[in-house]
Amino acid sequence: MPASKDDFLEEVTRAEDILLGGLGFGDEARIVEISLQGNRFSGTGRWADGETFSFESEEDLSELDRWAIEILTQAKKDE
């Protein structure tokens, strides 16, 4: 059975939770933009109330981080 759009959106939410949760941000935060710098990532996020914030990883990427970034990068291409 092919993946549905809802399944993909759930993956995006999981990816955001993995990356932002690992940096201490709550589940109300969403990623607006993300980029890689070597073996780390940084970007801009937005809270549910519209306020934006910057984030940056302090540790090298894990395999789970890489998966999450791949999902988010694909989502941005599909917009």
C-alpha atoms as a PDB file:
ATOM      1  CA  MET A   1       0.000   0.000   0.000  1.00  0.00           C
ATOM      2  CA  PRO A   2       1.499   3.390  -0.965  1.00  0.00           C
ATOM      3  CA  ALA A   3       2.176   5.983   1.722  1.00  0.00           C
ATOM      4  CA  SER A   4      -0.556   8.581   2.098  1.00  0.00           C
ATOM      5  CA  LYS A   5      -0.093  12.325   2.464  1.00  0.00           C
ATOM      6  CA  ASP A   6      -1.177  12.020   6.119  1.00  0.00           C
ATOM      7  CA  ASP A   7       1.597   9.488   6.735  1.00  0.00           C
ATOM      8  CA  PHE A   8       4.123  11.912   5.258  1.00  0.00           C
ATOM      9  CA  LEU A   9       2.825  14.775   7.421  1.00  0.00           C
ATOM     10  CA  GLU A  10       3.183  12.560  10.481  1.00  0.00           C
ATOM     11  CA  GLU A  11       6.801  11.904   9.465  1.00  0.00           C
ATOM     12  CA  VAL A  12       7.409  15.662   9.202  1.00  0.00           C
ATOM     13  CA  THR A  13       5.975  16.188  12.686  1.00  0.00           C
ATOM     14  CA  ARG A  14       8.116  13.346  14.048  1.00  0.00           C
ATOM     15  CA  ALA A  15      11.205  14.795  12.360  1.00  0.00           C
ATOM     16  CA  GLU A  16      10.571  18.233  13.870  1.00  0.00           C
ATOM     17  CA  ASP A  17      10.015  16.687  17.298  1.00  0.00           C
ATOM     18  CA  ILE A  18      13.261  14.710  17.064  1.00  0.00           C
ATOM     19  CA  LEU A  19      15.396  17.710  16.122  1.00  0.00           C
ATOM     20  CA  LEU A  20      13.763  20.406  18.234  1.00  0.00           C
ATOM     21  CA  GLY A  21      13.061  18.100  21.174  1.00  0.00           C
ATOM     22  CA  GLY A  22      16.727  17.148  21.247  1.00  0.00           C
ATOM     23  CA  LEU A  23      17.551  20.839  21.634  1.00  0.00           C
ATOM     24  CA  GLY A  24      15.017  21.341  24.441  1.00  0.00           C
ATOM     25  CA  PHE A  25      12.172  22.963  22.499  1.00  0.00           C
ATOM     26  CA  GLY A  26       8.590  21.903  23.209  1.00  0.00           C
ATOM     27  CA  ASP A  27       6.248  20.137  20.813  1.00  0.00           C
ATOM     28  CA  GLU A  28       4.473  23.424  19.983  1.00  0.00           C
ATOM     29  CA  ALA A  29       7.558  24.523  18.023  1.00  0.00           C
ATOM     30  CA  ARG A  30       7.813  23.936  14.265  1.00  0.00           C
ATOM     31  CA  ILE A  31      10.759  24.226  11.882  1.00  0.00           C
ATOM     32  CA  VAL A  32      10.531  26.967   9.270  1.00  0.00           C
ATOM     33  CA  GLU A  33      14.014  26.558   7.797  1.00  0.00           C
ATOM     34  CA  ILE A  34      16.876  24.146   8.416  1.00  0.00           C
ATOM     35  CA  SER A  35      20.390  23.844   6.985  1.00  0.00           C
ATOM     36  CA  LEU A  36      23.469  21.702   7.445  1.00  0.00           C
ATOM     37  CA  GLN A  37      26.901  23.045   8.317  1.00  0.00           C
ATOM     38  CA  GLY A  38      29.295  20.137   8.177  1.00  0.00           C
ATOM     39  CA  ASN A  39      28.080  17.554  10.676  1.00  0.00           C
ATOM     40  CA  ARG A  40      25.680  19.897  12.515  1.00  0.00           C
ATOM     41  CA  PHE A  41      22.465  21.754  11.729  1.00  0.00           C
ATOM     42  CA  SER A  42      20.872  25.112  12.406  1.00  0.00           C
ATOM     43  CA  GLY A  43      17.743  26.923  11.421  1.00  0.00           C
ATOM     44  CA  THR A  44      14.711  28.966  12.289  1.00  0.00           C
ATOM     45  CA  GLY A  45      11.628  27.773  14.111  1.00  0.00           C
ATOM     46  CA  ARG A  46       8.236  29.196  14.959  1.00  0.00           C
ATOM     47  CA  TRP A  47       6.069  28.827  18.056  1.00  0.00           C
ATOM     48  CA  ALA A  48       2.310  28.324  17.742  1.00  0.00           C
ATOM     49  CA  ASP A  49       1.778  32.039  18.527  1.00  0.00           C
ATOM     50  CA  GLY A  50       3.904  33.034  15.509  1.00  0.00           C
ATOM     51  CA  GLU A  51       7.039  34.083  17.394  1.00  0.00           C
ATOM     52  CA  THR A  52      10.211  32.895  15.673  1.00  0.00           C
ATOM     53  CA  PHE A  53      13.463  31.628  17.167  1.00  0.00           C
ATOM     54  CA  SER A  54      16.838  30.354  15.998  1.00  0.00           C
ATOM     55  CA  PHE A  55      18.292  26.976  16.856  1.00  0.00           C
ATOM     56  CA  GLU A  56      21.626  25.234  16.381  1.00  0.00           C
ATOM     57  CA  SER A  57      22.872  21.757  17.230  1.00  0.00           C
ATOM     58  CA  GLU A  58      25.882  21.494  19.480  1.00  0.00           C
ATOM     59  CA  GLU A  59      26.718  17.863  18.740  1.00  0.00           C
ATOM     60  CA  ASP A  60      27.444  15.889  15.598  1.00  0.00           C
ATOM     61  CA  LEU A  61      24.459  14.456  13.752  1.00  0.00           C
ATOM     62  CA  SER A  62      23.158  11.039  14.732  1.00  0.00           C
ATOM     63  CA  GLU A  63      21.574   8.673  12.207  1.00  0.00           C
ATOM     64  CA  LEU A  64      18.163   9.704  13.560  1.00  0.00           C
ATOM     65  CA  ASP A  65      19.032  13.393  13.065  1.00  0.00           C
ATOM     66  CA  ARG A  66      20.069  12.642   9.480  1.00  0.00           C
ATOM     67  CA  TRP A  67      16.753  10.883   8.831  1.00  0.00           C
ATOM     68  CA  ALA A  68      14.822  13.823  10.287  1.00  0.00           C
ATOM     69  CA  ILE A  69      16.726  16.371   8.188  1.00  0.00           C
ATOM     70  CA  GLU A  70      16.141  14.288   5.058  1.00  0.00           C
ATOM     71  CA  ILE A  71      12.382  14.190   5.749  1.00  0.00           C
ATOM     72  CA  LEU A  72      12.240  17.955   6.363  1.00  0.00           C
ATOM     73  CA  THR A  73      14.337  18.757   3.310  1.00  0.00           C
ATOM     74  CA  GLN A  74      12.039  16.662   1.134  1.00  0.00           C
ATOM     75  CA  ALA A  75       8.979  18.344   2.642  1.00  0.00           C
ATOM     76  CA  LYS A  76      10.346  21.795   1.769  1.00  0.00           C
ATOM     77  CA  LYS A  77      11.000  20.671  -1.845  1.00  0.00           C
ATOM     78  CA  ASP A  78       7.425  19.417  -2.121  1.00  0.00           C
ATOM     79  CA  GLU A  79       5.863  22.721  -0.961  1.00  0.00           C
END
